[in-house]
C-alpha atoms as a PDB file:
ATOM      1  CA  MET A   1     -36.464  16.345 -15.898  1.00  0.00           C
ATOM      2  CA  THR A   2     -33.616  15.511 -13.247  1.00  0.00           C
ATOM      3  CA  THR A   3     -30.476  14.135 -14.487  1.00  0.00           C
ATOM      4  CA  PRO A   4     -28.240  11.658 -12.558  1.00  0.00           C
ATOM      5  CA  ASP A   5     -25.574  14.453 -11.525  1.00  0.00           C
ATOM      6  CA  GLN A   6     -28.596  16.143  -9.659  1.00  0.00           C
ATOM      7  CA  ASN A   7     -29.648  12.716  -7.785  1.00  0.00           C
ATOM      8  CA  GLU A   8     -26.108  11.902  -6.912  1.00  0.00           C
ATOM      9  CA  HIS A   9     -25.132  11.471  -3.333  1.00  0.00           C
ATOM     10  CA  THR A  10     -22.011  13.496  -2.865  1.00  0.00           C
ATOM     11  CA  LEU A  11     -19.563  12.557   0.392  1.00  0.00           C
ATOM     12  CA  ASP A  12     -19.611  14.766   3.130  1.00  0.00           C
ATOM     13  CA  VAL A  13     -16.039  15.825   3.300  1.00  0.00           C
ATOM     14  CA  ALA A  14     -16.032  16.942  -0.369  1.00  0.00           C
ATOM     15  CA  ARG A  15     -18.467  20.010   0.877  1.00  0.00           C
ATOM     16  CA  GLY A  16     -20.864  19.791  -2.026  1.00  0.00           C
ATOM     17  CA  ASN A  17     -17.651  20.017  -4.609  1.00  0.00           C
ATOM     18  CA  LYS A  18     -19.262  16.849  -7.055  1.00  0.00           C
ATOM     19  CA  ALA A  19     -15.722  16.343  -8.706  1.00  0.00           C
ATOM     20  CA  LEU A  20     -13.848  16.050  -5.588  1.00  0.00           C
ATOM     21  CA  SER A  21     -16.628  13.558  -4.320  1.00  0.00           C
ATOM     22  CA  ARG A  22     -16.385  11.327  -7.370  1.00  0.00           C
ATOM     23  CA  HIS A  23     -12.670  11.406  -7.004  1.00  0.00           C
ATOM     24  CA  LEU A  24     -12.988  10.040  -3.590  1.00  0.00           C
ATOM     25  CA  LYS A  25     -15.568   7.440  -4.017  1.00  0.00           C
ATOM     26  CA  LYS A  26     -13.294   6.001  -6.914  1.00  0.00           C
ATOM     27  CA  SER A  27     -10.793   5.966  -4.897  1.00  0.00           C
ATOM     28  CA  LEU A  28     -12.418   4.296  -2.084  1.00  0.00           C
ATOM     29  CA  GLU A  29     -13.730   1.972  -4.480  1.00  0.00           C
ATOM     30  CA  LEU A  30     -10.437   0.783  -5.550  1.00  0.00           C
ATOM     31  CA  LEU A  31      -9.050   1.020  -2.009  1.00  0.00           C
ATOM     32  CA  ARG A  32     -11.951  -1.455  -1.264  1.00  0.00           C
ATOM     33  CA  ASP A  33     -11.288  -3.852  -4.042  1.00  0.00           C
ATOM     34  CA  ARG A  34      -7.807  -4.195  -3.387  1.00  0.00           C
ATOM     35  CA  SER A  35      -8.289  -5.068   0.434  1.00  0.00           C
ATOM     36  CA  ASP A  36      -8.575  -8.108   1.938  1.00  0.00           C
ATOM     37  CA  ASN A  37      -9.756  -6.919   5.390  1.00  0.00           C
ATOM     38  CA  ASP A  38     -13.723  -7.382   5.101  1.00  0.00           C
ATOM     39  CA  ASP A  39     -14.138  -5.098   8.268  1.00  0.00           C
ATOM     40  CA  PHE A  40     -12.624  -2.380   5.966  1.00  0.00           C
ATOM     41  CA  ARG A  41     -14.809  -3.511   3.043  1.00  0.00           C
ATOM     42  CA  ARG A  42     -17.946  -3.246   4.878  1.00  0.00           C
ATOM     43  CA  VAL A  43     -17.051   0.429   6.132  1.00  0.00           C
ATOM     44  CA  VAL A  44     -16.607   1.655   2.727  1.00  0.00           C
ATOM     45  CA  ASP A  45     -19.813  -0.061   1.412  1.00  0.00           C
ATOM     46  CA  ASP A  46     -21.404   1.684   4.046  1.00  0.00           C
ATOM     47  CA  VAL A  47     -20.133   4.917   2.897  1.00  0.00           C
ATOM     48  CA  LEU A  48     -20.443   4.631  -0.625  1.00  0.00           C
ATOM     49  CA  ASN A  49     -23.870   3.466  -0.324  1.00  0.00           C
ATOM     50  CA  GLY A  50     -24.657   6.475   1.988  1.00  0.00           C
ATOM     51  CA  ARG A  51     -25.358   4.436   5.141  1.00  0.00           C
ATOM     52  CA  ALA A  52     -22.221   6.254   6.965  1.00  0.00           C
ATOM     53  CA  SER A  53     -20.728   9.593   5.975  1.00  0.00           C
ATOM     54  CA  MET A  54     -16.502   9.933   5.756  1.00  0.00           C
ATOM     55  CA  ARG A  55     -16.734  11.912   9.283  1.00  0.00           C
ATOM     56  CA  ASP A  56     -18.610   8.838  10.826  1.00  0.00           C
ATOM     57  CA  VAL A  57     -15.705   6.518   9.658  1.00  0.00           C
ATOM     58  CA  TYR A  58     -12.079   7.946   9.464  1.00  0.00           C
ATOM     59  CA  THR A  59     -11.343   7.375  12.974  1.00  0.00           C
ATOM     60  CA  THR A  60     -12.753   3.609  13.274  1.00  0.00           C
ATOM     61  CA  PRO A  61     -10.234   1.193  13.718  1.00  0.00           C
ATOM     62  CA  ALA A  62     -11.712  -0.640  10.561  1.00  0.00           C
ATOM     63  CA  PHE A  63     -11.013   2.403   8.577  1.00  0.00           C
ATOM     64  CA  ALA A  64      -7.851   2.882   9.888  1.00  0.00           C
ATOM     65  CA  THR A  65      -6.411  -0.524   9.525  1.00  0.00           C
ATOM     66  CA  GLY A  66      -7.427  -0.771   5.649  1.00  0.00           C
ATOM     67  CA  ILE A  67      -6.570   2.338   4.979  1.00  0.00           C
ATOM     68  CA  GLU A  68      -2.783   2.411   6.358  1.00  0.00           C
ATOM     69  CA  PRO A  69      -1.039   0.319   4.032  1.00  0.00           C
ATOM     70  CA  GLY A  70      -2.109   3.003   0.818  1.00  0.00           C
ATOM     71  CA  VAL A  71      -1.718   5.969   3.121  1.00  0.00           C
ATOM     72  CA  LYS A  72       2.194   4.656   3.764  1.00  0.00           C
ATOM     73  CA  LYS A  73       2.459   4.159   0.241  1.00  0.00           C
ATOM     74  CA  PHE A  74       1.678   7.383  -0.713  1.00  0.00           C
ATOM     75  CA  ALA A  75       3.758   9.308   2.072  1.00  0.00           C
ATOM     76  CA  GLU A  76       6.905   7.362   0.564  1.00  0.00           C
ATOM     77  CA  ARG A  77       6.581   8.037  -2.922  1.00  0.00           C
ATOM     78  CA  TRP A  78       5.202  12.177  -2.330  1.00  0.00           C
ATOM     79  CA  ASP A  79       8.448  12.394  -0.240  1.00  0.00           C
ATOM     80  CA  GLU A  80      10.548  11.171  -3.236  1.00  0.00           C
ATOM     81  CA  LEU A  81       9.049  13.688  -5.315  1.00  0.00           C
ATOM     82  CA  SER A  82      10.858  17.096  -5.653  1.00  0.00           C
ATOM     83  CA  GLN A  83       8.673  20.341  -4.712  1.00  0.00           C
ATOM     84  CA  GLU A  84       8.456  21.234  -8.376  1.00  0.00           C
ATOM     85  CA  GLU A  85       6.988  17.861  -8.981  1.00  0.00           C
ATOM     86  CA  ARG A  86       4.655  18.063  -6.259  1.00  0.00           C
ATOM     87  CA  ASP A  87       3.450  21.754  -7.549  1.00  0.00           C
ATOM     88  CA  ARG A  88       2.826  20.160 -10.974  1.00  0.00           C
ATOM     89  CA  LEU A  89       0.452  17.295  -9.744  1.00  0.00           C
ATOM     90  CA  ALA A  90      -1.330  19.846  -7.600  1.00  0.00           C
ATOM     91  CA  GLU A  91      -1.807  22.169 -10.446  1.00  0.00           C
ATOM     92  CA  GLU A  92      -2.777  19.091 -12.611  1.00  0.00           C
ATOM     93  CA  GLY A  93      -5.230  17.982 -10.402  1.00  0.00           C
ATOM     94  CA  ARG A  94      -6.993  21.622  -9.709  1.00  0.00           C
ATOM     95  CA  GLN A  95      -7.298  21.699 -13.378  1.00  0.00           C
ATOM     96  CA  THR A  96      -8.993  17.981 -13.817  1.00  0.00           C
ATOM     97  CA  PHE A  97     -11.244  19.021 -10.992  1.00  0.00           C
ATOM     98  CA  ASP A  98     -12.005  22.218 -12.578  1.00  0.00           C
ATOM     99  CA  VAL A  99     -12.804  20.580 -16.047  1.00  0.00           C
ATOM    100  CA  GLU A 100     -14.876  18.143 -14.307  1.00  0.00           C
ATOM    101  CA  ASN A 101     -16.791  20.280 -11.979  1.00  0.00           C
ATOM    102  CA  GLU A 102     -17.372  22.526 -15.160  1.00  0.00           C
ATOM    103  CA  ARG A 103     -18.799  19.345 -17.131  1.00  0.00           C
ATOM    104  CA  ILE A 104     -21.144  18.689 -14.137  1.00  0.00           C
ATOM    105  CA  GLN A 105     -22.730  22.396 -14.098  1.00  0.00           C
ATOM    106  CA  ARG A 106     -23.363  22.048 -17.999  1.00  0.00           C
ATOM    107  CA  ASN A 107     -24.921  18.938 -17.519  1.00  0.00           C
ATOM    108  CA  SER A 108     -27.218  19.907 -14.443  1.00  0.00           C
ATOM    109  CA  HIS A 109     -28.729  22.639 -16.644  1.00  0.00           C
ATOM    110  CA  ALA A 110     -29.291  20.430 -19.866  1.00  0.00           C
END
């Protein structure tokens, strides 16, 4: 019997890391849902539905235009953080992905 985790489409840029792929997909969904740019929304839908890879679309004008506001906002907020805050967030992220990857691994053997 196959589990949903085994049949899951993993984004190319995640290099097989299902937890990272899930996080990226959720982020793309959020960006798509908050965007009023139809071209960006279409490109993101193509990635999420497996019709295109992130590598295919990340240099397209539609993707760049749609993602730019979020990247700018993130860069501004990141610049405001101390190095200690950045390090703490990075460690929290690593731990979150480790826990999720372990959960996925356990479920794939169930």
